Amino acid sequence: MTSHTHQTAPTRFVDANGMRFAYRRFGKTGGVPLVLNIHFTGTMDHWDPAVTNGLAQGREVILFNNAGISSTSGEVPHSIQEMAANAAAFIKALGLTQVDVLGFSMGGLIAQELALAEPQLVRRLILVGTGPRSGEGMASLTPQAQEIFGATYEEPDHLWLRVHFSPSDASQAAGRKFLQRLRLRTEGRDPEANDKVAPAQLAALGKAMAVRRTCPKCGQVKDYVIPTSLGTCPDCADA
């Protein structure tokens, strides 16, 4: 067991795929590490310490920022496949040959793609609050989500009170305790994601959630990011 926790684990760096990945490791060593993939626009500091420290009691936990996120260099890819490839390169750069992978929300899409692309590397897959490729209603943010992410907040992290919690008094009270836990790490915190992150991640989500259909006009199987009114593929609709 390392002496570090979510709050105290130092941020380290490793080079892979021409980028410098930021990561933290803590917990019980000796077994298969658990690599966590965070949600939309999240950084290492958006994991709930109650969750990560709980997991770390029984195994080693590895948090990291994928390409272009916060303290990791590079640009955010416009596809989930590229994000998964970067995650694989990061894991291998640590000298690991087998890991368990947990993905939360958008991180779950990356985790699924990683498991498909690297079946020898991923032993077990844990998916939380996510969905499959081409999942119904997942091609873009809902109007409610667009309003939540587009609003201005007195404190930036108050955004998560609306993302993760319902408006009820009990839920908001739980949310405020959640924010207190997020703020427990006072040194070496991650910078917030910059304004290039969300558009790139939305583009990747749009591609990942495109529905594959056979176009009734040209007969080809194509990705429908936004189905046209006639049911034809985007190429035929534009013709």
Protein backbone atom coordinates (compact mmCIF):
# COMPACT_ATOMS: atom_id res chain seq x y z
CA MET A 1 0.00 0.00 0.00
CA THR A 2 1.45 3.39 -0.94
CA SER A 3 1.26 6.21 1.58
CA HIS A 4 -0.47 8.50 -0.92
CA THR A 5 -4.18 9.12 -1.40
CA HIS A 6 -6.24 10.95 -4.00
CA GLN A 7 -5.46 14.19 -2.16
CA THR A 8 -1.68 13.71 -1.90
CA ALA A 9 -0.53 11.60 -4.86
CA PRO A 10 2.00 13.63 -6.86
CA THR A 11 1.33 14.43 -10.49
CA ARG A 12 3.85 12.57 -12.63
CA PHE A 13 4.53 12.62 -16.36
CA VAL A 14 5.37 10.03 -19.01
CA ASP A 15 6.02 10.48 -22.73
CA ALA A 16 4.06 8.48 -25.32
CA ASN A 17 2.74 9.10 -28.86
CA GLY A 18 4.66 12.37 -28.97
CA MET A 19 2.82 13.72 -25.93
CA ARG A 20 3.55 14.21 -22.24
CA PHE A 21 0.81 12.50 -20.22
CA ALA A 22 0.02 13.65 -16.68
CA TYR A 23 -0.97 10.93 -14.22
CA ARG A 24 -1.20 9.94 -10.55
CA ARG A 25 -0.82 6.51 -8.93
CA PHE A 26 -1.86 5.50 -5.43
CA GLY A 27 -3.35 2.59 -3.50
CA LYS A 28 -2.49 -1.03 -2.85
CA THR A 29 0.26 -2.20 -5.18
CA GLY A 30 1.05 -5.73 -6.30
CA GLY A 31 -2.01 -6.59 -8.37
CA VAL A 32 -3.50 -5.50 -11.68
CA PRO A 33 -3.81 -1.69 -11.65
CA LEU A 34 -7.14 0.04 -12.30
CA VAL A 35 -6.95 2.84 -14.89
CA LEU A 36 -9.75 5.43 -14.76
CA ASN A 37 -11.11 7.37 -17.75
CA ILE A 38 -12.95 10.57 -16.82
CA HIS A 39 -16.15 12.18 -18.15
CA PHE A 40 -16.72 15.03 -20.63
CA THR A 41 -14.31 17.97 -20.00
CA GLY A 42 -13.12 16.34 -16.77
CA THR A 43 -9.60 16.23 -15.34
CA MET A 44 -7.94 14.08 -12.67
CA ASP A 45 -9.37 16.43 -10.04
CA HIS A 46 -12.96 15.71 -11.10
CA TRP A 47 -12.93 12.20 -9.63
CA ASP A 48 -14.68 11.93 -6.27
CA PRO A 49 -12.06 11.09 -3.60
CA ALA A 50 -14.70 8.99 -1.82
CA VAL A 51 -14.68 6.73 -4.87
CA THR A 52 -10.98 6.74 -5.75
CA ASN A 53 -9.74 6.37 -2.17
CA GLY A 54 -12.29 3.61 -1.62
CA LEU A 55 -11.04 1.73 -4.67
CA ALA A 56 -7.43 2.32 -3.61
CA GLN A 57 -7.95 0.40 -0.37
CA GLY A 58 -7.93 -2.83 -2.36
CA ARG A 59 -5.89 -2.04 -5.47
CA GLU A 60 -3.64 0.44 -7.22
CA VAL A 61 -5.53 3.28 -8.90
CA ILE A 62 -4.16 5.24 -11.86
CA LEU A 63 -5.70 8.56 -12.86
CA PHE A 64 -4.57 10.35 -16.03
CA ASN A 65 -5.43 13.16 -18.40
CA ASN A 66 -5.78 12.11 -22.02
CA ALA A 67 -4.26 14.15 -24.87
CA GLY A 68 -4.92 17.88 -24.74
CA ILE A 69 -6.65 17.73 -21.34
CA SER A 70 -5.38 20.03 -18.58
CA SER A 71 -1.76 19.16 -17.71
CA THR A 72 -1.28 16.68 -20.59
CA SER A 73 0.21 18.11 -23.78
CA GLY A 74 -1.09 17.69 -27.34
CA GLU A 75 -4.50 18.29 -28.90
CA VAL A 76 -7.80 16.62 -28.07
CA PRO A 77 -8.55 14.12 -30.88
CA HIS A 78 -11.83 14.36 -32.78
CA SER A 79 -12.53 10.64 -32.47
CA ILE A 80 -13.01 8.18 -29.63
CA GLN A 81 -10.71 5.71 -31.43
CA GLU A 82 -7.80 8.15 -31.26
CA MET A 83 -8.51 8.86 -27.60
CA ALA A 84 -8.43 5.11 -26.92
CA ALA A 85 -5.18 4.75 -28.88
CA ASN A 86 -3.64 7.50 -26.76
CA ALA A 87 -4.85 5.78 -23.59
CA ALA A 88 -3.24 2.52 -24.75
CA ALA A 89 0.04 4.30 -25.51
CA PHE A 90 -0.02 5.91 -22.06
CA ILE A 91 -0.62 2.59 -20.29
CA LYS A 92 2.15 0.86 -22.23
CA ALA A 93 4.53 3.75 -21.53
CA LEU A 94 4.12 2.95 -17.83
CA GLY A 95 5.47 -0.52 -18.60
CA LEU A 96 2.14 -2.20 -17.84
CA THR A 97 1.10 -5.29 -19.78
CA GLN A 98 -2.36 -5.79 -18.25
CA VAL A 99 -4.82 -3.45 -16.56
CA ASP A 100 -8.45 -3.18 -15.56
CA VAL A 101 -10.18 -0.14 -17.02
CA LEU A 102 -13.01 1.95 -15.58
CA GLY A 103 -14.79 4.49 -17.78
CA PHE A 104 -17.28 7.09 -16.58
CA SER A 105 -19.68 8.68 -19.11
CA MET A 106 -17.56 9.73 -22.11
CA GLY A 107 -14.68 7.87 -20.49
CA GLY A 108 -16.81 4.73 -20.85
CA LEU A 109 -16.82 5.13 -24.63
CA ILE A 110 -13.03 5.41 -24.59
CA ALA A 111 -12.76 2.39 -22.28
CA GLN A 112 -14.93 0.26 -24.59
CA GLU A 113 -12.87 1.20 -27.64
CA LEU A 114 -9.67 0.51 -25.71
CA ALA A 115 -10.88 -2.97 -24.75
CA LEU A 116 -11.79 -3.74 -28.37
CA ALA A 117 -8.50 -2.47 -29.76
CA GLU A 118 -6.27 -3.95 -27.03
CA PRO A 119 -7.91 -7.15 -25.72
CA GLN A 120 -4.61 -8.46 -24.32
CA LEU A 121 -4.02 -5.24 -22.41
CA VAL A 122 -7.48 -4.89 -20.84
CA ARG A 123 -8.37 -7.68 -18.41
CA ARG A 124 -11.66 -6.30 -17.09
CA LEU A 125 -13.89 -3.43 -18.12
CA ILE A 126 -16.05 -1.41 -15.70
CA LEU A 127 -18.57 0.97 -17.29
CA VAL A 128 -20.32 3.70 -15.30
CA GLY A 129 -23.04 6.05 -16.57
CA THR A 130 -22.21 5.46 -20.22
CA GLY A 131 -23.58 3.74 -23.32
CA PRO A 132 -22.64 1.83 -26.48
CA ARG A 133 -21.49 3.16 -29.83
CA SER A 134 -24.48 4.57 -31.74
CA GLY A 135 -26.52 4.60 -28.51
CA GLU A 136 -29.99 6.06 -28.93
CA GLY A 137 -30.16 9.76 -28.16
CA MET A 138 -26.41 10.06 -27.58
CA ALA A 139 -25.25 11.71 -30.81
CA SER A 140 -25.17 15.15 -29.17
CA LEU A 141 -25.84 16.90 -25.89
CA THR A 142 -29.53 17.13 -25.03
CA PRO A 143 -31.03 20.65 -24.91
CA GLN A 144 -30.98 20.39 -21.11
CA ALA A 145 -27.29 19.41 -21.11
CA GLN A 146 -26.47 22.22 -23.54
CA GLU A 147 -28.13 24.70 -21.18
CA ILE A 148 -26.30 23.29 -18.16
CA PHE A 149 -22.86 23.33 -19.78
CA GLY A 150 -23.49 26.73 -21.40
CA ALA A 151 -24.62 28.51 -18.24
CA THR A 152 -22.45 30.78 -16.08
CA TYR A 153 -21.88 29.83 -12.44
CA GLU A 154 -20.80 31.83 -9.40
CA GLU A 155 -18.16 29.17 -8.75
CA PRO A 156 -16.96 27.12 -11.77
CA ASP A 157 -17.38 23.78 -10.00
CA HIS A 158 -21.05 24.56 -9.24
CA LEU A 159 -21.61 23.25 -12.77
CA TRP A 160 -21.32 19.74 -11.36
CA LEU A 161 -24.19 20.33 -8.93
CA ARG A 162 -26.45 20.36 -12.00
CA VAL A 163 -24.62 17.69 -14.00
CA HIS A 164 -24.45 15.01 -11.32
CA PHE A 165 -27.31 15.90 -8.97
CA SER A 166 -31.06 16.51 -9.22
CA PRO A 167 -32.69 19.79 -8.05
CA SER A 168 -34.11 18.23 -4.86
CA ASP A 169 -32.87 19.58 -1.54
CA ALA A 170 -31.46 16.19 -0.53
CA SER A 171 -29.60 15.73 -3.80
CA GLN A 172 -28.19 19.26 -3.78
CA ALA A 173 -27.02 18.75 -0.18
CA ALA A 174 -25.21 15.59 -1.31
CA GLY A 175 -23.79 17.59 -4.20
CA ARG A 176 -22.35 20.24 -1.89
CA LYS A 177 -20.61 17.51 0.12
CA PHE A 178 -19.29 16.12 -3.18
CA LEU A 179 -17.82 19.54 -4.04
CA GLN A 180 -16.19 19.72 -0.62
CA ARG A 181 -14.49 16.41 -1.36
CA LEU A 182 -13.36 17.63 -4.79
CA ARG A 183 -11.68 20.58 -3.09
CA LEU A 184 -9.80 18.47 -0.54
CA ARG A 185 -6.73 18.39 -2.77
CA THR A 186 -5.17 21.80 -2.18
CA GLU A 187 -1.71 21.40 -3.77
CA GLY A 188 -0.74 20.35 -7.27
CA ARG A 189 -4.27 20.62 -8.64
CA ASP A 190 -4.99 20.28 -12.35
CA PRO A 191 -5.77 23.37 -14.41
CA GLU A 192 -9.34 23.35 -15.74
CA ALA A 193 -9.81 22.12 -19.31
CA ASN A 194 -9.34 24.93 -21.83
CA ASP A 195 -11.97 26.16 -24.28
CA LYS A 196 -10.71 23.87 -27.07
CA VAL A 197 -11.60 20.69 -25.19
CA ALA A 198 -15.41 20.68 -25.27
CA PRO A 199 -15.78 21.31 -29.06
CA ALA A 200 -13.26 18.56 -29.86
CA GLN A 201 -14.92 16.10 -27.49
CA LEU A 202 -18.35 16.92 -28.89
CA ALA A 203 -17.06 16.22 -32.40
CA ALA A 204 -15.71 12.86 -31.20
CA LEU A 205 -19.02 12.05 -29.53
CA GLY A 206 -20.91 12.90 -32.71
CA LYS A 207 -18.80 10.46 -34.72
CA ALA A 208 -19.01 7.73 -32.09
CA MET A 209 -22.76 8.00 -31.77
CA ALA A 210 -23.47 8.10 -35.50
CA VAL A 211 -26.05 5.49 -36.50
CA ARG A 212 -24.89 3.04 -39.18
CA ARG A 213 -27.65 2.45 -41.76
CA THR A 214 -28.03 1.31 -45.33
CA CYS A 215 -28.96 4.28 -47.47
CA PRO A 216 -32.13 3.51 -49.48
CA LYS A 217 -30.86 5.66 -52.37
CA CYS A 218 -27.22 4.59 -52.91
CA GLY A 219 -27.35 1.24 -51.06
CA GLN A 220 -24.17 1.91 -49.08
CA VAL A 221 -23.80 1.48 -45.33
CA LYS A 222 -22.92 4.86 -43.87
CA ASP A 223 -22.80 6.77 -40.59
CA TYR A 224 -25.79 9.00 -39.91
CA VAL A 225 -24.75 11.62 -37.37
CA ILE A 226 -28.04 13.45 -37.93
CA PRO A 227 -30.60 11.40 -39.91
CA THR A 228 -32.09 13.32 -42.82
CA SER A 229 -35.84 13.74 -43.24
CA LEU A 230 -35.84 11.41 -46.27
CA GLY A 231 -33.81 8.74 -44.53
CA THR A 232 -31.02 9.01 -47.09
CA CYS A 233 -27.35 9.26 -46.12
CA PRO A 234 -25.75 12.72 -45.78
CA ASP A 235 -23.98 12.37 -49.15
CA CYS A 236 -27.21 11.61 -51.00
CA ALA A 237 -29.09 14.29 -49.11
CA ASP A 238 -26.55 16.87 -50.27
CA ALA A 239 -26.56 15.64 -53.88
